[in-house]
């Protein structure tokens, strides 16, 4: 027996049989409904955590960048307050004999030949002599005493060896006390200039004593 099976596009299948015993084949019935979806099974247990992998090697340090430009210079800070004054130093040793006109030592002469002279601090304790002829009428040798040349008690000796009359004149800030005048009387007259004050007003005072001219 041989069977020829023909399948048509559609929902039915037709079978033709050459066997006379097979008379006909019925059409296939429609597809039955889909069965219900089965319930979701329970979630399985979480598997163990895998081991941590090895740490990777540290990367190489990159090169250092170039140094940046120097910043702008800041303003100078304010000047600090002045510190307190330090303690006063010790008093210095006394000067050698002679600076105060000490008669126990030889006196150093300071000869002057001009017609004018200004007493200096280096003349303290010395004998200043004047041999100038003088100027004017009467002929005069002018001797000026400035401030700051001596301390109280120091002395300067003056002697007129020339024809010019020695006249002692007070400089700025100086007072000279004398009687009857501040002029040496004549040739070979002598006088002493003694400092009596340095802090009064005026700032320095001298006393002139000796062979002085009459008023």
N, C-alpha and C. Protein backbone atom coordinates (compact mmCIF):
# COMPACT_ATOMS: atom_id res chain seq x y z
N UNK A 1 0.86 -1.18 0.00
CA UNK A 1 0.00 0.00 0.00
C UNK A 1 0.90 1.22 0.00
N UNK A 2 0.53 2.24 -0.75
CA UNK A 2 1.29 3.52 -0.80
C UNK A 2 0.34 4.64 -0.45
N UNK A 3 0.88 5.65 0.27
CA UNK A 3 0.06 6.79 0.70
C UNK A 3 0.71 8.05 0.21
N UNK A 4 -0.05 8.91 -0.43
CA UNK A 4 0.46 10.23 -0.88
C UNK A 4 -0.09 11.26 0.09
N UNK A 5 0.84 12.01 0.75
CA UNK A 5 0.46 13.02 1.77
C UNK A 5 0.64 14.39 1.19
N UNK A 6 -0.49 15.11 1.11
CA UNK A 6 -0.44 16.49 0.60
C UNK A 6 -0.73 17.44 1.76
N UNK A 7 0.19 18.46 1.96
CA UNK A 7 0.02 19.45 3.05
C UNK A 7 -0.25 20.78 2.41
N UNK A 8 -1.43 21.35 2.66
CA UNK A 8 -1.80 22.67 2.12
C UNK A 8 -1.52 23.74 3.14
N UNK A 9 -1.26 24.94 2.58
CA UNK A 9 -1.07 26.11 3.47
C UNK A 9 -2.44 26.42 4.05
N UNK A 10 -2.52 26.41 5.31
CA UNK A 10 -3.80 26.68 5.97
C UNK A 10 -3.89 25.91 7.23
N UNK A 11 -5.13 25.64 7.63
CA UNK A 11 -5.32 24.98 8.91
C UNK A 11 -5.75 23.53 8.76
N UNK A 12 -5.74 22.99 7.51
CA UNK A 12 -6.22 21.61 7.31
C UNK A 12 -5.19 20.81 6.56
N UNK A 13 -5.23 19.58 6.79
CA UNK A 13 -4.32 18.64 6.12
C UNK A 13 -5.20 17.61 5.38
N UNK A 14 -4.90 17.41 4.09
CA UNK A 14 -5.66 16.43 3.29
C UNK A 14 -4.76 15.27 2.92
N UNK A 15 -5.18 14.08 3.13
CA UNK A 15 -4.40 12.87 2.82
C UNK A 15 -5.13 12.09 1.74
N UNK A 16 -4.43 11.86 0.67
CA UNK A 16 -4.98 11.06 -0.42
C UNK A 16 -4.36 9.67 -0.36
N UNK A 17 -5.18 8.70 -0.34
CA UNK A 17 -4.70 7.32 -0.24
C UNK A 17 -5.09 6.56 -1.48
N UNK A 18 -4.17 5.74 -1.93
CA UNK A 18 -4.44 4.90 -3.10
C UNK A 18 -5.02 3.55 -2.68
N UNK A 19 -4.95 3.44 -1.36
CA UNK A 19 -5.53 2.20 -0.88
C UNK A 19 -7.02 2.38 -0.84
N UNK A 20 -7.73 1.50 -1.48
CA UNK A 20 -9.18 1.65 -1.53
C UNK A 20 -9.82 1.52 -0.20
N UNK A 21 -9.05 1.08 0.79
CA UNK A 21 -9.65 0.97 2.11
C UNK A 21 -9.71 2.30 2.80
N UNK A 22 -8.86 3.19 2.35
CA UNK A 22 -8.88 4.52 2.94
C UNK A 22 -9.73 5.36 2.06
N UNK A 23 -10.82 5.80 2.57
CA UNK A 23 -11.78 6.52 1.75
C UNK A 23 -11.51 7.99 1.83
N UNK A 24 -11.41 8.55 3.02
CA UNK A 24 -11.20 10.02 3.14
C UNK A 24 -10.64 10.33 4.52
N UNK A 25 -10.04 11.47 4.54
CA UNK A 25 -9.46 11.97 5.82
C UNK A 25 -10.15 13.28 6.16
N UNK A 26 -10.58 13.43 7.33
CA UNK A 26 -11.28 14.65 7.72
C UNK A 26 -10.34 15.83 7.89
N UNK A 27 -10.98 16.94 7.88
CA UNK A 27 -10.22 18.20 8.08
C UNK A 27 -9.79 18.29 9.54
N UNK A 28 -8.55 18.85 9.76
CA UNK A 28 -8.04 19.02 11.15
C UNK A 28 -8.86 20.04 11.90
N UNK A 29 -9.13 19.77 13.14
CA UNK A 29 -9.89 20.71 13.95
C UNK A 29 -9.07 21.93 14.36
N UNK A 30 -9.75 22.90 14.84
CA UNK A 30 -9.04 24.13 15.29
C UNK A 30 -8.14 23.84 16.50
N UNK A 31 -7.16 24.77 16.63
CA UNK A 31 -6.17 24.61 17.72
C UNK A 31 -6.84 24.91 19.05
N UNK A 32 -6.56 24.09 19.99
CA UNK A 32 -7.14 24.29 21.31
C UNK A 32 -6.54 25.50 22.02
N UNK A 33 -7.20 25.96 23.03
CA UNK A 33 -6.68 27.13 23.78
C UNK A 33 -5.37 26.80 24.49
N UNK A 34 -4.59 27.93 24.67
CA UNK A 34 -3.27 27.77 25.32
C UNK A 34 -3.47 27.50 26.80
N UNK A 35 -2.67 26.61 27.28
CA UNK A 35 -2.78 26.29 28.69
C UNK A 35 -2.30 27.44 29.57
N UNK A 36 -2.75 27.42 30.77
CA UNK A 36 -2.36 28.48 31.74
C UNK A 36 -0.87 28.41 32.05
N UNK A 37 -0.29 29.66 32.25
CA UNK A 37 1.15 29.75 32.58
C UNK A 37 1.37 29.23 33.97
N UNK A 38 2.36 28.38 34.08
CA UNK A 38 2.66 27.83 35.39
C UNK A 38 3.21 28.90 36.33
N UNK A 39 3.05 28.71 37.61
CA UNK A 39 3.55 29.68 38.63
C UNK A 39 5.08 29.71 38.63
N UNK A 40 5.61 30.93 38.87
CA UNK A 40 7.08 31.10 38.92
C UNK A 40 7.63 30.40 40.13
N UNK A 41 8.67 29.65 39.91
CA UNK A 41 9.28 28.93 41.02
C UNK A 41 10.05 29.88 41.93
N UNK A 42 10.36 29.49 43.12
CA UNK A 42 11.08 30.34 44.09
C UNK A 42 12.49 30.66 43.60
N UNK A 43 12.97 31.88 43.99
CA UNK A 43 14.33 32.29 43.62
C UNK A 43 15.33 31.48 44.39
N UNK A 44 16.32 31.05 43.67
CA UNK A 44 17.35 30.25 44.33
C UNK A 44 18.21 31.10 45.26
N UNK A 45 18.93 30.47 46.19
CA UNK A 45 19.80 31.19 47.14
C UNK A 45 20.94 31.87 46.42
N UNK A 46 21.35 33.06 46.99
CA UNK A 46 22.48 33.81 46.40
C UNK A 46 23.76 33.03 46.58
N UNK A 47 24.51 32.95 45.51
CA UNK A 47 25.78 32.22 45.58
C UNK A 47 26.83 33.00 46.37
N UNK A 48 27.85 32.37 46.82
CA UNK A 48 28.90 33.03 47.61
C UNK A 48 29.63 34.10 46.77
N UNK A 49 30.11 35.16 47.50
CA UNK A 49 30.87 36.23 46.82
C UNK A 49 32.22 35.71 46.39
N UNK A 50 32.58 36.05 45.17
CA UNK A 50 33.89 35.61 44.67
C UNK A 50 35.04 36.33 45.38
N UNK A 51 36.19 35.74 45.38
CA UNK A 51 37.37 36.33 46.05
C UNK A 51 37.81 37.60 45.32
N UNK A 52 38.37 38.55 46.13
CA UNK A 52 38.83 39.83 45.56
C UNK A 52 40.07 39.61 44.71
N UNK A 53 40.06 40.25 43.57
CA UNK A 53 41.22 40.10 42.68
C UNK A 53 42.43 40.85 43.22
N UNK A 54 43.58 40.51 42.74
CA UNK A 54 44.83 41.15 43.18
C UNK A 54 44.84 42.62 42.76
N UNK A 55 45.43 43.50 43.66
CA UNK A 55 45.52 44.93 43.38
C UNK A 55 46.53 45.17 42.25
N UNK A 56 46.16 46.02 41.33
CA UNK A 56 47.06 46.30 40.21
C UNK A 56 48.27 47.12 40.65
N UNK A 57 49.33 47.07 39.90
CA UNK A 57 50.56 47.80 40.23
C UNK A 57 50.32 49.31 40.16
N UNK A 58 51.01 50.08 41.08
CA UNK A 58 50.89 51.54 41.09
C UNK A 58 51.57 52.14 39.86
N UNK A 59 50.87 53.06 39.24
CA UNK A 59 51.45 53.68 38.05
C UNK A 59 52.65 54.56 38.39
N UNK A 60 53.51 54.75 37.45
CA UNK A 60 54.71 55.58 37.66
C UNK A 60 54.31 57.04 37.87
N UNK A 61 55.09 57.77 38.75
CA UNK A 61 54.83 59.19 39.01
C UNK A 61 55.21 60.03 37.78
N UNK A 62 54.35 60.93 37.42
CA UNK A 62 54.63 61.77 36.26
C UNK A 62 55.72 62.79 36.56
N UNK A 63 56.32 63.39 35.57
CA UNK A 63 57.40 64.37 35.77
C UNK A 63 56.87 65.64 36.45
N UNK A 64 57.75 66.29 37.23
CA UNK A 64 57.38 67.54 37.91
C UNK A 64 57.26 68.68 36.89
N UNK A 65 56.22 69.45 37.01
CA UNK A 65 56.03 70.57 36.09
C UNK A 65 57.04 71.68 36.33
N UNK A 66 57.22 72.58 35.39
CA UNK A 66 58.19 73.68 35.54
C UNK A 66 57.77 74.64 36.64
N UNK A 67 58.76 75.31 37.27
CA UNK A 67 58.49 76.29 38.33
C UNK A 67 57.78 77.51 37.75
N UNK A 68 56.75 77.96 38.41
CA UNK A 68 56.02 79.12 37.93
C UNK A 68 56.81 80.41 38.14
N UNK A 69 56.41 81.48 37.50
CA UNK A 69 57.12 82.77 37.64
C UNK A 69 57.01 83.31 39.06
N UNK A 70 58.00 84.13 39.48
CA UNK A 70 58.00 84.72 40.82
C UNK A 70 56.88 85.73 40.95
N UNK A 71 56.23 85.68 42.10
CA UNK A 71 55.13 86.61 42.33
C UNK A 71 55.62 88.03 42.54
N UNK A 72 54.68 88.96 42.50
CA UNK A 72 55.01 90.38 42.69
C UNK A 72 55.44 90.62 44.13
N UNK A 73 56.49 91.46 44.33
CA UNK A 73 56.99 91.76 45.67
C UNK A 73 55.95 92.55 46.45
N UNK A 74 55.72 92.13 47.69
CA UNK A 74 54.74 92.81 48.52
C UNK A 74 55.24 94.16 49.02
N UNK A 75 54.31 94.98 49.49
CA UNK A 75 54.68 96.30 50.02
C UNK A 75 55.50 96.15 51.30
N UNK A 76 56.38 97.13 51.55
CA UNK A 76 57.17 97.14 52.78
C UNK A 76 56.27 97.41 53.96
N UNK A 77 56.46 96.63 55.00
CA UNK A 77 55.65 96.80 56.20
C UNK A 77 55.96 98.11 56.92
N UNK A 78 55.05 98.51 57.79
CA UNK A 78 55.23 99.75 58.54
C UNK A 78 56.41 99.63 59.50
N UNK A 79 57.08 100.76 59.77
CA UNK A 79 58.20 100.77 60.71
C UNK A 79 57.71 100.50 62.11
N UNK A 80 58.42 99.63 62.80
CA UNK A 80 58.03 99.28 64.16
C UNK A 80 58.26 100.44 65.12
N UNK A 81 57.64 100.35 66.27
CA UNK A 81 57.77 101.41 67.28
C UNK A 81 59.21 101.46 67.80
N UNK A 82 59.64 102.66 68.18
CA UNK A 82 60.99 102.84 68.74
C UNK A 82 61.09 102.16 70.09
N UNK A 83 62.16 101.40 70.26
CA UNK A 83 62.37 100.70 71.52
C UNK A 83 62.69 101.65 72.66
N UNK A 84 62.59 101.16 73.89
CA UNK A 84 62.88 102.03 75.05
C UNK A 84 64.34 102.43 75.09
N UNK A 85 64.61 103.59 75.69
CA UNK A 85 65.98 104.08 75.82
C UNK A 85 66.77 103.20 76.77
N UNK A 86 67.96 102.84 76.37
CA UNK A 86 68.80 102.00 77.21
C UNK A 86 69.30 102.74 78.44
N UNK A 87 69.82 101.99 79.39
CA UNK A 87 70.31 102.62 80.63
C UNK A 87 71.51 103.51 80.36
N UNK A 88 71.69 104.53 81.18
CA UNK A 88 72.82 105.45 81.04
C UNK A 88 74.12 104.73 81.35
N UNK A 89 75.11 104.94 80.51
CA UNK A 89 76.39 104.29 80.71
C UNK A 89 77.14 104.86 81.91
N UNK A 90 78.17 104.14 82.31
CA UNK A 90 78.97 104.56 83.45
C UNK A 90 79.72 105.85 83.13
N UNK A 91 79.98 106.64 84.16
CA UNK A 91 80.72 107.89 83.99
C UNK A 91 82.17 107.58 83.63
N UNK A 92 82.68 108.29 82.64
CA UNK A 92 84.05 108.07 82.20
C UNK A 92 85.06 108.54 83.24
N UNK A 93 86.27 108.06 83.04
CA UNK A 93 87.35 108.43 83.97
C UNK A 93 87.69 109.91 83.84
N UNK A 94 88.17 110.51 84.91
CA UNK A 94 88.54 111.92 84.90
C UNK A 94 89.73 112.14 83.97
N UNK A 95 89.76 113.32 83.33
CA UNK A 95 90.85 113.64 82.42
C UNK A 95 92.16 113.87 83.16
N UNK A 96 93.21 113.88 82.40
CA UNK A 96 94.53 114.09 82.99
C UNK A 96 94.66 115.51 83.52
N UNK A 97 95.54 115.71 84.47
CA UNK A 97 95.78 117.04 85.03
C UNK A 97 96.19 118.01 83.92
N UNK A 98 95.70 119.22 84.03
CA UNK A 98 96.06 120.24 83.04
C UNK A 98 94.87 120.67 82.22
N UNK A 99 93.87 119.77 82.00
CA UNK A 99 92.71 120.15 81.20
C UNK A 99 91.83 121.15 81.93
N UNK A 100 91.91 121.21 83.26
CA UNK A 100 91.13 122.17 84.02
C UNK A 100 92.00 123.34 84.52
N UNK A 101 93.17 123.52 83.95
CA UNK A 101 94.03 124.60 84.40
C UNK A 101 94.72 124.28 85.71
N UNK A 102 95.06 123.00 85.91
CA UNK A 102 95.72 122.59 87.14
C UNK A 102 97.14 123.17 87.17
N UNK A 103 97.42 123.96 88.22
CA UNK A 103 98.73 124.62 88.31
C UNK A 103 99.85 123.67 88.73
N UNK A 104 99.49 122.40 89.02
CA UNK A 104 100.53 121.47 89.44
C UNK A 104 101.32 120.91 88.27
N UNK A 105 100.87 121.19 87.07
CA UNK A 105 101.58 120.72 85.88
C UNK A 105 101.92 121.92 85.00
N UNK A 106 102.89 121.70 84.13
CA UNK A 106 103.30 122.78 83.22
C UNK A 106 102.15 123.12 82.28
N UNK A 107 101.92 124.40 82.06
CA UNK A 107 100.83 124.86 81.21
C UNK A 107 101.30 124.92 79.77
N UNK A 108 100.46 124.44 78.86
CA UNK A 108 100.81 124.42 77.44
C UNK A 108 100.42 125.75 76.80
N UNK A 109 101.36 126.47 76.16
CA UNK A 109 101.00 127.73 75.50
C UNK A 109 100.42 127.49 74.11
N UNK A 110 99.56 128.40 73.69
CA UNK A 110 98.99 128.37 72.34
C UNK A 110 99.17 129.77 71.76
N UNK A 111 100.30 130.05 71.11
CA UNK A 111 100.57 131.40 70.60
C UNK A 111 99.75 131.73 69.37
N UNK A 112 99.19 132.94 69.34
CA UNK A 112 98.41 133.42 68.20
C UNK A 112 98.97 134.77 67.75
N UNK A 113 99.23 134.89 66.42
CA UNK A 113 99.83 136.12 65.90
C UNK A 113 98.88 136.98 65.10
N UNK A 114 97.64 136.55 64.91
CA UNK A 114 96.69 137.32 64.11
C UNK A 114 95.97 138.38 64.92
N UNK A 115 95.02 139.04 64.25
CA UNK A 115 94.27 140.11 64.90
C UNK A 115 92.88 139.65 65.36
N UNK A 116 92.59 138.37 65.19
CA UNK A 116 91.32 137.81 65.70
C UNK A 116 91.52 136.32 65.96
N UNK A 117 90.77 135.82 66.93
CA UNK A 117 90.89 134.40 67.27
C UNK A 117 89.62 133.97 68.00
N UNK A 118 89.16 132.72 67.71
CA UNK A 118 88.01 132.14 68.40
C UNK A 118 88.51 131.04 69.33
N UNK A 119 88.20 131.17 70.62
CA UNK A 119 88.62 130.18 71.60
C UNK A 119 88.01 128.82 71.25
N UNK A 120 88.81 127.73 71.40
CA UNK A 120 88.35 126.37 71.11
C UNK A 120 88.39 125.54 72.38
N UNK A 121 87.69 124.39 72.37
CA UNK A 121 87.68 123.51 73.54
C UNK A 121 89.07 122.97 73.83
N UNK A 122 89.92 122.92 72.80
CA UNK A 122 91.30 122.44 73.00
C UNK A 122 92.16 123.45 73.75
N UNK A 123 91.64 124.67 73.95
CA UNK A 123 92.38 125.70 74.69
C UNK A 123 92.17 125.60 76.19
N UNK A 124 91.22 124.75 76.62
CA UNK A 124 90.95 124.61 78.05
C UNK A 124 92.21 124.15 78.79
N UNK A 125 92.59 124.89 79.84
CA UNK A 125 93.78 124.55 80.61
C UNK A 125 95.07 125.07 80.02
N UNK A 126 95.00 125.79 78.90
CA UNK A 126 96.20 126.31 78.25
C UNK A 126 96.35 127.83 78.45
N UNK A 127 97.51 128.34 78.07
CA UNK A 127 97.77 129.77 78.05
C UNK A 127 97.80 130.21 76.59
N UNK A 128 96.79 131.02 76.20
CA UNK A 128 96.72 131.51 74.82
C UNK A 128 97.34 132.91 74.79
N UNK A 129 98.38 133.08 73.99
CA UNK A 129 99.07 134.38 73.91
C UNK A 129 98.75 135.04 72.58
N UNK A 130 98.72 136.41 72.60
CA UNK A 130 98.36 137.18 71.41
C UNK A 130 99.46 138.21 71.15
N UNK A 131 100.06 138.10 69.96
CA UNK A 131 101.16 139.02 69.61
C UNK A 131 100.83 139.89 68.40
N UNK A 132 99.58 139.93 67.98
CA UNK A 132 99.18 140.72 66.83
C UNK A 132 99.22 142.22 67.11
N UNK A 133 99.44 142.99 66.03
CA UNK A 133 99.49 144.46 66.15
C UNK A 133 98.10 145.06 66.31
N UNK A 134 97.06 144.33 65.93
CA UNK A 134 95.69 144.80 66.06
C UNK A 134 95.25 145.64 64.88
N UNK A 135 93.95 145.86 64.78
CA UNK A 135 93.36 146.68 63.72
C UNK A 135 92.46 147.74 64.34
N UNK A 136 92.25 148.84 63.60
CA UNK A 136 91.36 149.90 64.06
C UNK A 136 92.05 150.85 65.00
N UNK A 137 91.25 151.77 65.54
CA UNK A 137 91.75 152.77 66.48
C UNK A 137 90.86 152.76 67.72
N UNK A 138 91.35 152.39 68.88
CA UNK A 138 92.72 151.88 69.07
C UNK A 138 92.90 150.50 68.44
N UNK A 139 94.14 150.09 68.21
CA UNK A 139 94.44 148.79 67.60
C UNK A 139 93.96 147.67 68.52
N UNK A 140 93.12 146.80 67.96
CA UNK A 140 92.46 145.77 68.79
C UNK A 140 92.68 144.37 68.21
N UNK A 141 92.92 143.42 69.10
CA UNK A 141 92.90 141.98 68.76
C UNK A 141 91.63 141.41 69.39
N UNK A 142 90.70 140.94 68.54
CA UNK A 142 89.40 140.46 69.05
C UNK A 142 89.46 138.96 69.33
N UNK A 143 89.08 138.57 70.55
CA UNK A 143 89.04 137.16 70.96
C UNK A 143 87.58 136.80 71.24
N UNK A 144 87.02 135.85 70.47
CA UNK A 144 85.61 135.45 70.61
C UNK A 144 85.51 134.17 71.43
N UNK A 145 84.54 134.15 72.35
CA UNK A 145 84.29 132.97 73.19
C UNK A 145 82.96 132.35 72.77
N UNK A 146 82.96 131.16 72.11
CA UNK A 146 81.71 130.52 71.68
C UNK A 146 81.14 129.64 72.79
N UNK A 147 79.93 129.13 72.58
CA UNK A 147 79.32 128.22 73.54
C UNK A 147 79.85 126.81 73.35
N UNK A 148 79.76 126.00 74.41
CA UNK A 148 80.10 124.58 74.31
C UNK A 148 81.57 124.25 74.34
N UNK A 149 82.42 125.18 74.79
CA UNK A 149 83.86 124.89 74.77
C UNK A 149 84.38 124.40 76.11
N UNK A 150 83.60 124.55 77.19
CA UNK A 150 84.11 124.19 78.51
C UNK A 150 82.98 123.80 79.43
N UNK A 151 83.33 123.13 80.51
CA UNK A 151 82.37 122.80 81.55
C UNK A 151 82.66 123.66 82.78
N UNK A 152 81.73 123.64 83.72
CA UNK A 152 81.86 124.51 84.90
C UNK A 152 83.18 124.24 85.63
N UNK A 153 83.92 125.31 85.92
CA UNK A 153 85.18 125.21 86.65
C UNK A 153 86.41 125.17 85.76
N UNK A 154 86.23 124.89 84.47
CA UNK A 154 87.39 124.88 83.58
C UNK A 154 87.81 126.31 83.26
N UNK A 155 89.11 126.49 82.94
CA UNK A 155 89.65 127.84 82.75
C UNK A 155 90.59 127.89 81.56
N UNK A 156 90.72 129.10 81.01
CA UNK A 156 91.63 129.38 79.91
C UNK A 156 92.33 130.69 80.25
N UNK A 157 93.67 130.69 80.19
CA UNK A 157 94.44 131.90 80.48
C UNK A 157 94.76 132.65 79.19
N UNK A 158 94.72 133.98 79.26
CA UNK A 158 94.97 134.85 78.11
C UNK A 158 96.10 135.82 78.47
N UNK A 159 96.99 136.09 77.48
CA UNK A 159 98.08 137.06 77.72
C UNK A 159 98.30 137.89 76.47
N UNK A 160 98.40 139.21 76.64
CA UNK A 160 98.65 140.14 75.52
C UNK A 160 100.16 140.39 75.43
N UNK A 161 100.78 139.86 74.37
CA UNK A 161 102.23 140.05 74.16
C UNK A 161 102.53 141.09 73.09
N UNK A 162 101.54 141.47 72.28
CA UNK A 162 101.75 142.45 71.21
C UNK A 162 101.13 143.79 71.55
N UNK A 163 101.17 144.68 70.55
CA UNK A 163 100.64 146.02 70.75
C UNK A 163 99.12 146.07 70.67
N UNK A 164 98.51 145.13 69.93
CA UNK A 164 97.05 145.13 69.80
C UNK A 164 96.38 144.80 71.11
N UNK A 165 95.42 145.63 71.55
CA UNK A 165 94.73 145.41 72.83
C UNK A 165 93.77 144.24 72.71
N UNK A 166 93.95 143.22 73.55
CA UNK A 166 93.10 142.02 73.52
C UNK A 166 91.74 142.37 74.11
N UNK A 167 90.69 142.18 73.29
CA UNK A 167 89.32 142.45 73.71
C UNK A 167 88.53 141.16 73.62
N UNK A 168 87.96 140.72 74.75
CA UNK A 168 87.22 139.44 74.79
C UNK A 168 85.76 139.71 74.46
N UNK A 169 85.24 138.98 73.45
CA UNK A 169 83.87 139.18 72.97
C UNK A 169 83.07 137.89 73.14
N UNK A 170 81.80 138.02 73.59
CA UNK A 170 80.92 136.86 73.79
C UNK A 170 80.30 136.45 72.46
N UNK A 171 80.39 135.15 72.15
CA UNK A 171 79.72 134.62 70.97
C UNK A 171 78.25 134.40 71.24
N UNK A 172 77.52 133.83 70.26
CA UNK A 172 76.09 133.59 70.40
C UNK A 172 75.82 132.62 71.55
N UNK A 173 74.90 132.99 72.43
CA UNK A 173 74.53 132.13 73.54
C UNK A 173 75.52 132.16 74.69
N UNK A 174 76.38 133.16 74.75
CA UNK A 174 77.41 133.25 75.79
C UNK A 174 77.31 134.59 76.50
N UNK A 175 77.52 134.57 77.82
CA UNK A 175 77.61 135.79 78.61
C UNK A 175 78.99 135.84 79.27
N UNK A 176 79.65 137.00 79.20
CA UNK A 176 80.94 137.19 79.86
C UNK A 176 80.78 138.25 80.94
N UNK A 177 81.03 137.86 82.16
CA UNK A 177 80.96 138.79 83.29
C UNK A 177 82.38 139.25 83.63
N UNK A 178 82.58 140.56 83.68
CA UNK A 178 83.91 141.11 83.99
C UNK A 178 83.77 142.54 84.52
N UNK A 179 84.79 143.02 85.17
CA UNK A 179 84.80 144.42 85.64
C UNK A 179 86.25 144.92 85.70
N UNK A 180 86.51 146.14 85.27
CA UNK A 180 85.52 147.12 84.77
C UNK A 180 85.17 146.91 83.29
N UNK A 181 86.04 146.22 82.49
CA UNK A 181 85.76 145.97 81.07
C UNK A 181 86.16 144.53 80.75
N UNK A 182 86.02 144.17 79.48
CA UNK A 182 86.44 142.85 79.02
C UNK A 182 87.69 143.00 78.14
N UNK A 183 88.53 144.01 78.43
CA UNK A 183 89.74 144.26 77.66
C UNK A 183 90.97 144.15 78.56
N UNK A 184 92.03 143.51 78.04
CA UNK A 184 93.27 143.51 78.80
C UNK A 184 93.85 144.93 78.79
N UNK A 185 94.46 145.32 79.91
CA UNK A 185 94.84 146.72 80.08
C UNK A 185 95.91 147.19 79.10
N UNK A 186 96.98 146.43 78.90
CA UNK A 186 98.06 146.88 78.05
C UNK A 186 98.94 145.68 77.67
N UNK A 187 100.02 145.94 76.92
CA UNK A 187 100.92 144.88 76.53
C UNK A 187 101.49 144.20 77.79
N UNK A 188 101.54 142.87 77.77
CA UNK A 188 101.99 142.00 78.85
C UNK A 188 100.98 141.85 79.98
N UNK A 189 99.76 142.36 79.77
CA UNK A 189 98.71 142.09 80.74
C UNK A 189 98.19 140.66 80.53
N UNK A 190 97.65 140.06 81.58
CA UNK A 190 97.10 138.69 81.49
C UNK A 190 95.76 138.64 82.20
N UNK A 191 94.93 137.66 81.81
CA UNK A 191 93.62 137.48 82.43
C UNK A 191 93.24 136.00 82.32
N UNK A 192 92.27 135.61 83.13
CA UNK A 192 91.79 134.21 83.12
C UNK A 192 90.30 134.19 82.83
N UNK A 193 89.90 133.28 81.92
CA UNK A 193 88.50 133.09 81.54
C UNK A 193 88.03 131.80 82.21
N UNK A 194 87.05 131.92 83.15
CA UNK A 194 86.59 130.77 83.93
C UNK A 194 85.13 130.48 83.58
N UNK A 195 84.82 129.21 83.24
CA UNK A 195 83.43 128.82 82.94
C UNK A 195 82.66 128.66 84.25
N UNK A 196 81.56 129.40 84.39
CA UNK A 196 80.76 129.34 85.62
C UNK A 196 79.39 128.70 85.43
N UNK A 197 78.94 128.55 84.19
CA UNK A 197 77.64 127.90 83.94
C UNK A 197 77.59 127.43 82.49
N UNK A 198 76.90 126.29 82.27
CA UNK A 198 76.74 125.77 80.90
C UNK A 198 75.29 125.49 80.55
N UNK A 199 74.40 125.43 81.54
CA UNK A 199 73.00 125.08 81.27
C UNK A 199 72.03 126.22 81.49
N UNK A 200 72.52 127.36 81.97
CA UNK A 200 71.62 128.50 82.18
C UNK A 200 71.31 129.17 80.85
N UNK A 201 70.46 130.19 80.89
CA UNK A 201 70.14 130.97 79.69
C UNK A 201 70.74 132.35 79.84
N UNK A 202 71.68 132.77 78.99
CA UNK A 202 72.20 132.02 77.85
C UNK A 202 72.92 130.73 78.25
N UNK A 203 73.28 129.94 77.27
CA UNK A 203 73.71 128.58 77.54
C UNK A 203 75.06 128.47 78.21
N UNK A 204 75.89 129.49 78.16
CA UNK A 204 77.22 129.41 78.79
C UNK A 204 77.57 130.77 79.39
N UNK A 205 78.17 130.72 80.59
CA UNK A 205 78.57 131.96 81.27
C UNK A 205 80.02 131.84 81.70
N UNK A 206 80.79 132.89 81.45
CA UNK A 206 82.20 132.92 81.80
C UNK A 206 82.49 134.15 82.66
N UNK A 207 83.47 133.99 83.56
CA UNK A 207 83.94 135.08 84.38
C UNK A 207 85.36 135.42 83.91
N UNK A 208 85.59 136.71 83.55
CA UNK A 208 86.90 137.16 83.09
C UNK A 208 87.53 137.98 84.20
N UNK A 209 88.67 137.50 84.74
CA UNK A 209 89.34 138.21 85.83
C UNK A 209 90.82 138.40 85.45
N UNK A 210 91.42 139.49 85.89
CA UNK A 210 92.82 139.72 85.64
C UNK A 210 93.15 141.19 85.50
N UNK A 211 94.20 141.47 84.74
CA UNK A 211 94.68 142.85 84.54
C UNK A 211 93.87 143.46 83.40
N UNK A 212 92.69 144.00 83.76
CA UNK A 212 91.76 144.51 82.76
C UNK A 212 91.79 146.04 82.70
N UNK A 213 91.43 146.58 81.50
CA UNK A 213 91.46 148.03 81.28
C UNK A 213 90.31 148.71 82.00
N UNK A 214 90.51 149.97 82.35
CA UNK A 214 89.44 150.74 82.96
C UNK A 214 88.39 151.08 81.93
N UNK A 215 87.21 151.40 82.43
CA UNK A 215 86.10 151.73 81.53
C UNK A 215 86.36 153.05 80.82
